[in-house]
N, C-alpha and C. Protein backbone atom coordinates (compact mmCIF):
# COMPACT_ATOMS: atom_id res chain seq x y z
N MET A 1 102.58 88.16 122.36
CA MET A 1 102.35 87.67 120.59
C MET A 1 104.04 86.94 120.64
N PRO A 2 104.07 85.85 120.62
CA PRO A 2 105.50 85.39 120.29
C PRO A 2 106.09 85.86 118.74
N HIS A 3 107.34 86.23 118.56
CA HIS A 3 107.78 86.74 117.24
C HIS A 3 107.68 85.57 116.35
N SER A 4 107.00 84.48 116.60
CA SER A 4 107.30 83.39 115.76
C SER A 4 105.47 83.27 115.08
N ASN A 5 104.48 84.25 115.62
CA ASN A 5 103.43 84.72 115.16
C ASN A 5 103.21 86.24 114.16
N VAL A 6 104.31 86.88 114.33
CA VAL A 6 104.77 88.09 113.40
C VAL A 6 104.90 87.38 112.22
N ARG A 7 104.08 87.77 111.07
CA ARG A 7 104.54 87.79 109.31
C ARG A 7 104.85 89.13 108.83
N LEU A 8 105.52 88.78 108.37
CA LEU A 8 106.36 90.08 107.49
C LEU A 8 106.51 89.41 105.99
N VAL A 9 105.82 90.24 105.00
CA VAL A 9 105.70 90.22 103.54
C VAL A 9 106.95 91.45 103.18
N GLY A 10 107.88 91.42 102.07
CA GLY A 10 108.31 92.31 101.96
C GLY A 10 108.77 92.26 100.26
N PHE A 11 108.85 93.60 99.54
CA PHE A 11 109.10 93.65 98.08
C PHE A 11 110.03 94.30 97.65
N GLY A 12 111.02 93.81 97.03
CA GLY A 12 112.29 94.37 96.95
C GLY A 12 113.19 93.16 95.57
N LYS A 13 114.67 93.51 96.22
CA LYS A 13 115.14 93.38 94.90
C LYS A 13 115.78 91.25 94.96
N PRO A 14 115.78 90.74 93.75
CA PRO A 14 116.20 89.81 93.93
C PRO A 14 117.50 88.96 94.40
N GLU A 15 118.32 90.06 94.47
CA GLU A 15 119.71 90.02 95.26
C GLU A 15 119.53 89.78 96.53
N GLY A 16 118.50 90.21 97.24
CA GLY A 16 118.64 90.37 98.40
C GLY A 16 119.18 91.30 99.41
N ASP A 17 119.53 92.36 98.65
CA ASP A 17 120.98 93.52 99.43
C ASP A 17 119.86 94.62 99.92
N ASP A 18 118.76 95.15 99.73
CA ASP A 18 118.06 96.16 99.66
C ASP A 18 117.48 96.08 101.24
N ALA A 19 116.72 97.32 101.27
CA ALA A 19 116.38 97.95 102.77
C ALA A 19 115.08 96.80 103.47
N PRO A 20 114.22 96.47 102.13
CA PRO A 20 113.09 95.44 102.66
C PRO A 20 113.67 94.18 103.09
N SER A 21 114.70 93.87 101.94
CA SER A 21 115.13 92.34 102.20
C SER A 21 116.08 92.28 103.42
N VAL A 22 117.43 93.28 103.70
CA VAL A 22 117.57 93.22 104.95
C VAL A 22 116.60 92.77 106.49
N VAL A 23 115.63 93.96 106.34
CA VAL A 23 114.80 93.80 107.66
C VAL A 23 114.20 92.51 107.59
N LEU A 24 113.20 92.18 106.34
CA LEU A 24 112.95 90.21 106.81
C LEU A 24 114.01 89.79 107.28
N SER A 25 115.03 89.73 106.57
CA SER A 25 116.22 88.48 107.16
C SER A 25 115.90 89.01 108.42
N GLN A 26 116.57 90.26 109.26
CA GLN A 26 116.75 90.74 110.39
C GLN A 26 115.24 89.86 111.46
N ALA A 27 113.71 90.33 111.08
CA ALA A 27 112.83 89.72 111.54
C ALA A 27 112.97 88.08 111.47
N ALA A 28 113.25 87.71 110.95
CA ALA A 28 113.47 86.01 110.38
C ALA A 28 114.34 85.41 112.02
N ILE A 29 115.49 86.35 112.00
CA ILE A 29 116.35 85.87 113.28
C ILE A 29 115.97 86.37 114.41
N LYS A 30 114.64 87.01 114.73
CA LYS A 30 114.08 87.05 115.56
C LYS A 30 112.77 85.88 115.95
N GLY A 31 112.56 85.02 114.75
CA GLY A 31 111.64 83.86 114.71
C GLY A 31 110.39 84.59 114.01
N ALA A 32 110.36 85.58 113.34
CA ALA A 32 109.39 85.78 112.53
C ALA A 32 109.17 85.26 111.19
N SER A 33 108.08 85.07 110.36
CA SER A 33 107.68 84.92 109.19
C SER A 33 107.83 85.54 108.60
N THR A 34 108.54 85.31 107.16
CA THR A 34 109.20 86.24 106.12
C THR A 34 108.59 85.91 104.99
N LYS A 35 108.32 86.66 103.98
CA LYS A 35 108.27 86.22 102.98
C LYS A 35 108.63 87.19 102.04
N LEU A 36 109.53 86.86 101.01
CA LEU A 36 110.01 88.31 100.17
C LEU A 36 109.59 88.01 98.87
N VAL A 37 109.05 88.98 98.14
CA VAL A 37 108.33 88.87 97.10
C VAL A 37 109.40 89.70 96.10
N THR A 38 110.00 88.92 95.09
CA THR A 38 110.95 89.79 93.69
C THR A 38 110.72 89.04 92.43
N ASP A 39 111.15 89.64 91.65
CA ASP A 39 110.99 89.11 90.32
C ASP A 39 111.77 87.43 90.31
N SER A 40 110.35 86.85 89.65
CA SER A 40 110.20 85.46 90.05
C SER A 40 111.89 84.82 88.99
N SER A 41 111.85 85.29 87.77
CA SER A 41 113.21 85.29 87.18
C SER A 41 114.45 85.43 87.13
N ARG A 42 114.61 86.22 88.55
CA ARG A 42 115.54 86.90 89.58
C ARG A 42 116.53 87.52 88.67
N SER A 43 116.17 88.25 87.36
CA SER A 43 116.75 89.28 86.67
C SER A 43 116.96 90.91 87.59
N ASN A 44 115.67 91.30 87.62
CA ASN A 44 115.42 92.26 88.12
C ASN A 44 114.10 93.34 88.58
N LEU A 45 113.92 93.99 89.31
CA LEU A 45 112.82 94.53 89.46
C LEU A 45 112.08 95.22 88.24
N GLY A 46 112.94 95.59 87.46
CA GLY A 46 112.40 96.32 86.31
C GLY A 46 112.33 95.67 85.22
N GLN A 47 111.77 94.58 85.02
CA GLN A 47 111.61 93.24 84.23
C GLN A 47 110.38 92.89 85.11
N ILE A 48 110.00 93.21 86.04
CA ILE A 48 109.14 91.82 86.85
C ILE A 48 107.91 92.31 86.00
N ASP A 49 107.27 91.25 86.25
CA ASP A 49 105.79 90.66 85.97
C ASP A 49 104.90 91.05 86.55
N GLN A 50 104.85 92.28 87.19
CA GLN A 50 103.87 92.57 87.98
C GLN A 50 101.99 92.16 88.66
N GLY A 51 101.88 91.84 86.49
CA GLY A 51 100.45 91.11 86.80
C GLY A 51 100.13 89.02 87.14
N SER A 52 101.50 89.02 87.42
CA SER A 52 101.71 87.59 87.86
C SER A 52 101.72 87.65 89.72
N ILE A 53 101.50 88.51 89.76
CA ILE A 53 101.79 88.65 91.57
C ILE A 53 100.75 88.30 92.03
N ASP A 54 100.35 87.31 93.20
CA ASP A 54 99.24 86.93 93.77
C ASP A 54 99.17 87.86 95.39
N TRP A 55 98.93 89.93 95.46
CA TRP A 55 99.24 89.70 96.54
C TRP A 55 98.64 89.67 97.59
N ARG A 56 96.86 88.79 97.21
CA ARG A 56 95.91 88.29 98.01
C ARG A 56 96.51 87.32 98.79
N GLU A 57 97.18 86.19 97.68
CA GLU A 57 97.66 85.24 98.61
C GLU A 57 98.51 85.89 99.48
N TYR A 58 99.46 86.51 98.96
CA TYR A 58 100.64 86.76 99.95
C TYR A 58 100.84 87.57 101.28
N LEU A 59 99.80 88.24 101.53
CA LEU A 59 99.22 89.31 102.21
C LEU A 59 98.52 88.67 103.34
N GLU A 60 97.37 87.75 103.11
CA GLU A 60 96.63 86.88 103.86
C GLU A 60 97.52 86.55 105.10
N GLY A 61 96.62 87.19 106.09
CA GLY A 61 97.20 87.14 107.76
C GLY A 61 98.69 87.67 107.67
N THR A 62 98.86 88.32 107.16
CA THR A 62 100.17 89.18 107.46
C THR A 62 100.01 90.45 107.97
N HIS A 63 100.27 90.59 108.84
CA HIS A 63 101.00 91.82 109.89
C HIS A 63 101.49 92.87 108.82
N TRP A 64 102.54 92.88 108.21
CA TRP A 64 103.72 93.94 107.68
C TRP A 64 103.63 93.77 106.64
N LEU A 65 103.76 94.34 105.67
CA LEU A 65 104.48 94.81 104.20
C LEU A 65 105.52 96.12 104.15
N VAL A 66 106.78 95.07 104.19
CA VAL A 66 107.70 96.40 104.00
C VAL A 66 108.82 96.33 102.52
N ILE A 67 108.00 97.60 102.02
CA ILE A 67 108.66 98.20 101.26
C ILE A 67 109.81 99.66 101.17
N SER A 68 110.20 100.11 99.95
CA SER A 68 111.06 100.89 100.38
C SER A 68 111.07 101.92 99.14
N ALA A 69 110.98 103.10 99.31
CA ALA A 69 111.03 104.44 98.71
C ALA A 69 111.64 104.02 97.17
N SER A 70 112.49 103.92 97.09
CA SER A 70 113.56 103.68 96.10
C SER A 70 113.51 102.68 95.22
N THR A 71 112.37 101.55 95.89
CA THR A 71 111.71 100.54 94.53
C THR A 71 111.10 101.49 94.13
N SER A 72 110.49 101.99 93.83
CA SER A 72 109.30 102.49 93.30
C SER A 72 110.37 103.17 91.85
N LEU A 73 111.48 103.61 92.14
CA LEU A 73 112.28 104.55 90.87
C LEU A 73 112.88 103.02 89.61
N ALA A 74 112.06 101.59 90.34
CA ALA A 74 113.34 100.53 89.23
C ALA A 74 112.90 100.66 88.13
N GLY A 75 111.25 101.41 88.04
CA GLY A 75 110.89 101.47 86.26
C GLY A 75 109.55 101.02 86.83
N ASN A 76 108.61 100.86 85.28
CA ASN A 76 106.87 101.24 85.76
C ASN A 76 106.51 99.94 85.78
N SER A 77 107.11 98.82 85.61
CA SER A 77 106.64 97.38 86.25
C SER A 77 106.92 97.44 88.07
N ALA A 78 107.85 97.57 88.35
CA ALA A 78 108.11 97.68 89.68
C ALA A 78 107.41 98.76 89.96
N ARG A 79 107.19 99.85 89.52
CA ARG A 79 106.51 100.88 90.35
C ARG A 79 105.25 100.87 90.55
N SER A 80 104.57 99.73 89.84
CA SER A 80 103.38 99.61 89.54
C SER A 80 102.92 97.92 90.54
N ALA A 81 103.86 97.68 90.61
CA ALA A 81 104.02 96.08 91.97
C ALA A 81 104.05 96.80 93.18
N TRP A 82 104.82 97.90 93.12
CA TRP A 82 104.99 98.61 94.40
C TRP A 82 103.40 99.26 94.66
N GLY A 83 102.70 99.82 93.90
CA GLY A 83 101.47 101.04 94.18
C GLY A 83 100.33 99.25 94.18
N ALA A 84 100.37 98.19 93.73
CA ALA A 84 99.66 97.32 93.84
C ALA A 84 99.61 96.66 95.31
N SER A 85 101.30 96.67 95.81
CA SER A 85 101.17 95.36 97.34
C SER A 85 100.62 96.98 98.66
N MET A 86 100.59 97.80 97.93
CA MET A 86 99.91 98.83 99.09
C MET A 86 98.34 98.80 99.15
N ALA A 87 97.94 98.57 98.12
CA ALA A 87 96.77 98.62 97.81
C ALA A 87 95.66 97.30 98.18
N PHE A 88 96.70 96.37 98.12
CA PHE A 88 95.96 94.68 98.49
C PHE A 88 96.45 94.61 99.93
N ALA A 89 97.55 95.59 100.29
CA ALA A 89 97.58 95.36 102.10
C ALA A 89 96.46 95.89 102.94
N GLU A 90 96.09 96.94 101.83
CA GLU A 90 94.96 97.48 102.69
C GLU A 90 93.09 96.48 102.29
N LEU A 91 93.06 96.12 101.52
CA LEU A 91 92.02 95.06 101.67
C LEU A 91 92.10 93.66 102.38
N GLU A 92 93.66 93.76 102.79
CA GLU A 92 93.74 92.57 103.51
C GLU A 92 94.24 92.54 104.88
N GLY A 93 94.12 93.78 105.16
CA GLY A 93 94.30 94.61 106.55
C GLY A 93 95.74 94.45 107.30
N SER A 94 96.44 93.95 106.18
CA SER A 94 98.10 94.35 106.17
C SER A 94 98.50 95.88 106.54
N LYS A 95 99.75 96.08 107.43
CA LYS A 95 99.98 97.26 107.72
C LYS A 95 101.21 98.12 106.79
N THR A 96 101.15 98.62 106.39
CA THR A 96 102.49 99.10 105.36
C THR A 96 103.45 99.82 106.07
N VAL A 97 104.80 99.41 106.03
CA VAL A 97 105.78 100.08 106.09
C VAL A 97 106.84 100.57 105.18
N MET A 98 107.01 102.03 105.27
CA MET A 98 107.85 102.32 104.15
C MET A 98 108.96 102.28 104.53
N ILE A 99 110.00 102.28 103.60
CA ILE A 99 111.54 102.93 104.34
C ILE A 99 112.16 103.82 103.03
N VAL A 100 112.00 104.91 103.82
CA VAL A 100 112.34 105.85 103.00
C VAL A 100 113.73 105.90 102.77
N ASP A 101 114.57 105.29 102.34
CA ASP A 101 116.12 105.25 101.76
C ASP A 101 116.60 106.06 100.44
N LEU A 102 118.19 106.38 101.13
CA LEU A 102 118.65 106.87 99.39
C LEU A 102 118.77 106.02 98.40
N PRO A 103 118.31 106.17 97.53
CA PRO A 103 118.24 105.46 95.95
C PRO A 103 119.98 105.67 95.50
N GLU A 104 120.44 104.39 94.83
CA GLU A 104 121.11 104.60 94.20
C GLU A 104 121.80 105.78 93.48
N ASP A 105 121.17 106.70 92.67
CA ASP A 105 121.07 107.49 92.30
C ASP A 105 120.65 108.76 93.29
N THR A 106 121.33 109.12 93.96
CA THR A 106 120.60 109.98 94.92
C THR A 106 119.92 111.27 94.69
N GLU A 107 120.27 111.54 93.35
CA GLU A 107 119.99 113.03 92.71
C GLU A 107 118.42 112.39 92.60
N ARG A 108 118.06 111.25 92.73
CA ARG A 108 116.28 110.85 92.26
C ARG A 108 115.45 110.58 93.76
N LEU A 109 116.34 111.06 94.90
CA LEU A 109 115.70 111.12 96.20
C LEU A 109 114.18 111.85 96.33
N ALA A 110 113.71 113.00 95.54
CA ALA A 110 113.28 113.98 95.19
C ALA A 110 112.12 113.38 94.60
N GLU A 111 112.45 112.13 93.70
CA GLU A 111 111.36 111.81 93.05
C GLU A 111 111.03 110.53 93.91
N ALA A 112 111.62 109.62 94.73
CA ALA A 112 111.47 108.52 95.33
C ALA A 112 110.19 109.18 96.37
N TRP A 113 110.91 110.24 97.15
CA TRP A 113 110.13 110.86 98.05
C TRP A 113 108.86 111.82 97.53
N GLY A 114 108.34 112.23 96.62
CA GLY A 114 107.54 112.18 95.87
C GLY A 114 106.29 111.25 95.72
N ASN A 115 106.89 109.99 95.39
CA ASN A 115 106.03 108.55 95.19
C ASN A 115 105.71 108.54 96.60
N THR A 116 106.32 108.58 97.18
CA THR A 116 105.81 108.01 98.66
C THR A 116 104.60 109.30 99.23
N ILE A 117 105.09 110.37 98.99
CA ILE A 117 103.59 110.99 99.46
C ILE A 117 102.07 110.93 98.74
N GLU A 118 102.62 110.57 97.51
CA GLU A 118 101.43 110.18 96.83
C GLU A 118 100.93 109.20 97.94
N ARG A 119 101.52 108.53 98.63
CA ARG A 119 100.74 107.03 98.98
C ARG A 119 101.00 107.24 100.30
N ILE A 120 101.34 108.36 100.89
CA ILE A 120 101.34 108.80 102.21
C ILE A 120 100.20 108.18 103.23
N ARG A 121 99.01 108.52 102.57
CA ARG A 121 98.04 107.75 103.61
C ARG A 121 97.81 106.33 103.37
N GLN A 122 98.51 105.54 103.06
CA GLN A 122 98.43 103.85 103.28
C GLN A 122 99.47 103.65 103.81
N VAL A 123 100.31 104.15 104.35
CA VAL A 123 101.09 104.16 105.37
C VAL A 123 101.10 104.08 106.67
N HIS A 124 101.37 103.09 107.58
CA HIS A 124 101.26 102.89 109.04
C HIS A 124 102.61 103.42 109.56
N VAL A 125 103.70 102.63 108.98
CA VAL A 125 104.87 102.91 109.61
C VAL A 125 105.77 103.60 108.69
N LEU A 126 106.23 105.21 108.75
CA LEU A 126 107.37 105.83 107.90
C LEU A 126 108.82 105.70 108.45
N PHE A 127 109.64 105.26 107.91
CA PHE A 127 110.93 104.94 108.59
C PHE A 127 111.97 105.71 107.48
N ILE A 128 112.56 107.01 108.21
CA ILE A 128 113.59 107.36 107.55
C ILE A 128 114.73 107.29 107.54
N THR A 129 115.65 106.81 106.81
CA THR A 129 117.36 106.71 107.35
C THR A 129 117.96 107.63 106.93
N GLN A 130 118.66 107.36 108.32
CA GLN A 130 119.84 108.78 108.86
C GLN A 130 119.96 109.80 107.64
N ASP A 131 120.73 108.66 106.53
CA ASP A 131 121.41 109.53 105.75
C ASP A 131 120.74 110.54 104.70
N ALA A 132 119.42 109.92 104.77
CA ALA A 132 117.95 110.64 103.82
C ALA A 132 117.29 111.31 104.73
N LEU A 133 117.56 111.44 105.71
CA LEU A 133 116.74 112.56 106.68
C LEU A 133 116.95 113.94 106.44
N SER A 134 118.56 114.27 106.65
CA SER A 134 119.01 115.86 106.36
C SER A 134 118.38 116.49 104.78
N LYS A 135 118.45 115.07 104.14
CA LYS A 135 118.30 115.35 102.56
C LYS A 135 116.71 116.07 102.39
N ILE A 136 115.77 114.96 103.67
CA ILE A 136 114.39 115.26 102.69
C ILE A 136 114.21 116.41 103.86
N SER A 137 114.86 116.61 104.73
CA SER A 137 114.48 118.09 105.47
C SER A 137 114.63 119.33 104.67
N GLN A 138 116.03 119.23 104.02
CA GLN A 138 116.12 120.66 102.86
C GLN A 138 114.92 119.99 101.54
N LEU A 139 114.47 119.17 101.22
CA LEU A 139 113.70 119.24 100.07
C LEU A 139 112.27 119.80 100.64
N GLU A 140 111.73 119.56 101.99
CA GLU A 140 110.59 120.04 102.84
C GLU A 140 110.96 121.28 103.46
N GLY A 141 111.87 122.15 103.58
CA GLY A 141 112.42 123.38 104.18
C GLY A 141 112.24 123.03 105.15
N VAL A 142 112.19 121.75 106.35
CA VAL A 142 112.20 122.01 107.60
C VAL A 142 113.06 121.33 108.37
N ASP A 143 113.33 122.21 109.19
CA ASP A 143 114.53 121.90 110.00
C ASP A 143 114.51 120.42 110.81
N GLU A 144 115.95 119.63 110.58
CA GLU A 144 115.89 118.15 110.78
C GLU A 144 115.11 117.57 112.16
N HIS A 145 115.43 118.48 112.97
CA HIS A 145 115.37 118.21 114.32
C HIS A 145 113.72 118.25 114.62
N ASN A 146 112.75 118.80 113.62
CA ASN A 146 111.30 118.70 113.65
C ASN A 146 111.16 117.78 112.42
N LEU A 147 111.54 117.26 111.48
CA LEU A 147 111.05 117.11 110.39
C LEU A 147 110.00 115.44 110.85
N LEU A 148 110.38 114.70 111.61
CA LEU A 148 109.58 113.59 111.81
C LEU A 148 108.24 113.65 112.50
N GLN A 149 108.43 114.70 113.10
CA GLN A 149 107.17 114.92 113.54
C GLN A 149 106.05 116.00 113.21
N GLU A 150 106.82 116.80 111.67
CA GLU A 150 105.94 117.81 110.99
C GLU A 150 105.63 116.24 109.48
N ILE A 151 106.06 115.53 109.49
CA ILE A 151 105.53 114.48 108.71
C ILE A 151 104.24 113.75 109.06
N ARG A 152 104.46 113.15 110.53
CA ARG A 152 103.48 112.37 110.87
C ARG A 152 102.35 113.56 110.70
N GLN A 153 102.56 114.75 111.26
CA GLN A 153 101.20 115.92 111.71
C GLN A 153 100.46 116.14 110.50
N ARG A 154 101.39 116.03 109.34
CA ARG A 154 101.16 116.88 108.03
C ARG A 154 100.29 115.40 107.39
N GLY A 155 101.03 114.34 107.26
CA GLY A 155 100.58 112.70 106.84
C GLY A 155 99.75 111.91 107.58
N LEU A 156 99.56 112.24 108.25
CA LEU A 156 98.56 111.27 109.62
C LEU A 156 99.51 110.22 110.12
N VAL A 157 100.55 109.95 109.37
CA VAL A 157 101.17 108.72 109.44
C VAL A 157 100.81 108.11 111.01
N PRO A 158 100.40 107.25 111.29
CA PRO A 158 100.13 106.32 112.31
C PRO A 158 101.89 106.64 113.13
N HIS A 159 103.02 106.14 112.72
CA HIS A 159 104.33 105.93 113.14
C HIS A 159 105.15 106.79 112.27
N VAL A 160 105.59 107.56 112.68
CA VAL A 160 107.31 107.98 111.93
C VAL A 160 108.27 108.15 112.31
N CYS A 161 109.39 107.32 112.14
CA CYS A 161 110.62 106.98 113.06
C CYS A 161 111.89 107.03 112.24
N GLY A 162 113.02 107.05 113.08
CA GLY A 162 114.18 107.45 111.95
C GLY A 162 115.22 107.37 113.35
N PHE A 163 116.54 107.32 113.11
CA PHE A 163 117.64 107.84 113.65
C PHE A 163 117.78 109.28 113.79
N THR A 164 117.92 109.59 115.17
CA THR A 164 118.04 111.55 114.89
C THR A 164 119.32 111.52 115.19
N GLU A 165 120.13 110.84 115.39
CA GLU A 165 121.25 111.08 115.72
C GLU A 165 122.18 109.17 116.29
N SER A 166 123.29 109.27 116.41
CA SER A 166 123.98 107.76 116.78
C SER A 166 123.19 107.25 118.15
N ASN A 167 122.83 106.26 117.72
CA ASN A 167 122.12 105.12 118.97
C ASN A 167 120.90 106.08 119.27
N MET A 168 120.58 107.11 119.08
CA MET A 168 119.51 107.41 119.62
C MET A 168 118.15 107.15 118.23
N VAL A 169 117.14 106.30 118.45
CA VAL A 169 115.50 106.28 117.37
C VAL A 169 114.72 107.62 117.89
N GLN A 170 114.07 107.70 117.41
CA GLN A 170 112.64 108.40 117.69
C GLN A 170 111.39 108.49 116.85
N VAL A 171 110.38 108.22 117.98
CA VAL A 171 108.96 107.61 117.14
C VAL A 171 108.06 108.61 117.52
N GLU A 172 107.40 108.87 116.22
CA GLU A 172 106.64 110.31 116.44
C GLU A 172 105.13 109.32 116.34
N HIS A 173 104.15 109.55 116.93
CA HIS A 173 102.57 108.86 116.65
C HIS A 173 102.07 109.69 117.19
N SER A 174 100.86 109.22 116.67
CA SER A 174 99.14 109.97 117.20
C SER A 174 98.89 110.73 118.56
N LEU A 175 99.97 109.56 119.51
CA LEU A 175 100.01 110.33 121.01
C LEU A 175 100.61 110.84 121.87
N GLY A 176 101.90 111.43 120.66
CA GLY A 176 102.95 111.77 121.00
C GLY A 176 104.07 111.69 120.55
N SER A 177 105.11 111.83 121.35
CA SER A 177 106.80 111.36 120.69
C SER A 177 107.58 110.12 121.98
N SER A 178 108.27 109.31 121.05
CA SER A 178 108.60 108.52 122.04
C SER A 178 110.11 108.20 121.77
N LYS A 179 111.03 108.31 122.49
CA LYS A 179 113.04 108.38 122.27
C LYS A 179 113.41 107.11 122.85
N ALA A 180 114.23 106.60 122.17
CA ALA A 180 114.60 105.32 123.26
C ALA A 180 116.26 105.63 122.53
N ASN A 181 117.63 104.67 123.46
CA ASN A 181 118.47 104.24 122.96
C ASN A 181 118.80 103.48 122.46
N THR A 182 119.81 103.37 121.56
CA THR A 182 120.09 102.02 121.04
C THR A 182 121.54 101.48 121.10
N HIS A 183 121.41 99.89 121.08
CA HIS A 183 122.96 99.55 121.49
C HIS A 183 123.83 99.92 120.24
N PRO A 184 125.29 99.99 120.19
CA PRO A 184 125.92 100.68 118.89
C PRO A 184 126.00 99.59 118.10
N SER A 185 125.71 98.01 118.54
CA SER A 185 125.87 97.16 117.66
C SER A 185 124.33 97.51 116.66
N ILE A 186 123.47 97.64 116.96
CA ILE A 186 121.99 97.84 116.01
C ILE A 186 122.23 98.91 115.20
N SER A 187 121.91 98.16 113.78
CA SER A 187 121.61 98.96 113.10
C SER A 187 120.52 99.73 112.48
N GLU A 188 120.12 101.01 112.06
CA GLU A 188 118.88 101.03 111.59
C GLU A 188 117.59 99.45 111.03
N THR A 189 118.21 99.00 110.37
CA THR A 189 117.38 98.18 109.38
C THR A 189 117.08 96.77 110.75
N THR A 190 117.69 96.36 111.49
CA THR A 190 118.08 95.72 112.76
C THR A 190 116.93 96.25 113.77
N TRP A 191 117.05 97.20 114.05
CA TRP A 191 115.91 98.15 115.10
C TRP A 191 114.93 98.11 114.45
N LEU A 192 114.54 98.52 113.17
CA LEU A 192 112.98 98.63 112.66
C LEU A 192 112.59 97.08 112.47
N ALA A 193 113.30 96.18 112.12
CA ALA A 193 113.07 94.82 111.85
C ALA A 193 112.61 94.10 113.42
N ARG A 194 113.37 94.97 114.40
CA ARG A 194 112.71 93.95 115.96
C ARG A 194 111.48 94.94 116.20
N PHE A 195 111.47 96.59 116.02
CA PHE A 195 110.05 96.75 116.30
C PHE A 195 109.26 96.41 115.67
N LEU A 196 109.23 96.12 114.52
CA LEU A 196 108.10 95.44 113.86
C LEU A 196 107.45 93.93 114.35
N CYS A 197 108.73 93.29 115.12
CA CYS A 197 108.31 92.01 115.75
C CYS A 197 107.53 92.57 117.19
N GLU A 198 108.08 93.66 117.82
CA GLU A 198 107.66 93.86 119.13
C GLU A 198 105.99 94.64 119.30
N LEU A 199 105.75 95.21 118.19
CA LEU A 199 105.16 96.34 118.39
C LEU A 199 103.49 95.29 118.26
N PRO A 200 103.09 94.16 117.44
CA PRO A 200 102.21 93.99 117.97
C PRO A 200 101.74 93.28 119.26
N SER A 201 102.72 93.01 119.84
CA SER A 201 102.31 92.45 121.68
C SER A 201 102.64 93.12 122.64
N SER A 202 103.16 94.76 121.94
CA SER A 202 103.87 95.67 123.16
C SER A 202 102.86 96.33 124.06
N GLY A 203 101.44 96.10 123.58
CA GLY A 203 100.55 97.18 124.65
C GLY A 203 100.09 97.90 124.01
N PRO A 204 99.04 98.44 124.42
CA PRO A 204 98.19 99.61 123.43
C PRO A 204 99.16 101.19 124.12
N GLY A 205 98.57 102.23 123.57
CA GLY A 205 98.95 103.72 123.51
C GLY A 205 100.50 103.85 123.59
N SER A 206 100.68 105.04 124.10
CA SER A 206 101.97 105.33 124.07
C SER A 206 102.97 104.13 124.61
N ASP A 207 102.50 104.37 125.66
CA ASP A 207 103.41 103.03 126.33
C ASP A 207 104.12 101.87 126.00
N GLY A 208 103.12 101.34 125.37
CA GLY A 208 103.48 100.41 123.92
C GLY A 208 104.26 100.32 122.61
N ILE A 209 104.44 101.63 122.58
CA ILE A 209 105.05 101.87 121.49
C ILE A 209 106.66 102.42 121.94
N LYS A 210 106.52 102.96 123.02
CA LYS A 210 107.85 103.08 124.01
C LYS A 210 108.83 101.60 124.18
N SER A 211 107.86 101.13 124.98
CA SER A 211 108.11 99.27 125.41
C SER A 211 108.93 98.82 124.15
N ALA A 212 108.26 98.78 122.57
CA ALA A 212 108.67 98.12 121.43
C ALA A 212 109.98 98.89 121.23
N ALA A 213 110.20 100.19 120.86
CA ALA A 213 111.29 100.95 120.34
C ALA A 213 112.30 100.44 121.53
N VAL A 214 112.47 101.01 122.77
CA VAL A 214 113.20 100.09 123.38
C VAL A 214 113.65 98.72 124.17
N SER A 215 112.82 97.65 123.51
CA SER A 215 113.30 96.43 123.33
C SER A 215 114.37 96.38 122.10
N ALA A 216 113.56 97.15 121.05
CA ALA A 216 113.95 96.67 119.75
C ALA A 216 115.52 97.10 119.62
N GLY A 217 116.10 98.16 120.69
CA GLY A 217 117.24 98.61 120.73
C GLY A 217 118.37 97.66 121.73
N ILE A 218 117.65 96.97 122.37
CA ILE A 218 118.88 96.34 123.21
C ILE A 218 119.32 94.98 122.19
N ALA A 219 120.75 95.13 122.66
CA ALA A 219 121.58 93.82 121.52
C ALA A 219 121.18 92.46 122.81
N ASP A 220 121.22 91.59 121.66
CA ASP A 220 120.99 90.25 122.37
C ASP A 220 122.49 90.05 123.64
């Protein structure tokens, strides 16, 4: 499948500087079709009119819904829209990509992680950023090296991934585990964007996941 046929919808800040926005920007560079759903008045997600968002229209024919855990902390309206996006993704056949990143107030990571756990069965790809990985391992009482595998097994998430060290990404999935080297120029969000572009056409099974992970880490 050409990248131009891959469609991503994200829910993020109007400034376009949060993780979902950056992933969409990087996917667009690879030729994917992208759409960021945000506050129409460009104020902030805490003021968003979540009832005016037609998720069914946005998600129709879309491969990936890209959201982040920290967005659930932006206020009641933002959290309602965040939850509604996942519910409609299930109905429309889109697969949810949850980025677990450090919120601006790092003391609220436990809250953001708790919101994610509540929705874990709706997530198809869970990506934990490297700076959040160690803190979540402490919250869960699980060794950092085993965290991705433990989360996948507990939550039955099809894909749990993250950079476990510099220039090394790990993907835990139902068929096992895949690791791939990444070029130093490839950031976490860039790798994730490319992985999402590659995965629909990478082929079935563990080999397909490995192929997508490796391809996403190669510099242009």
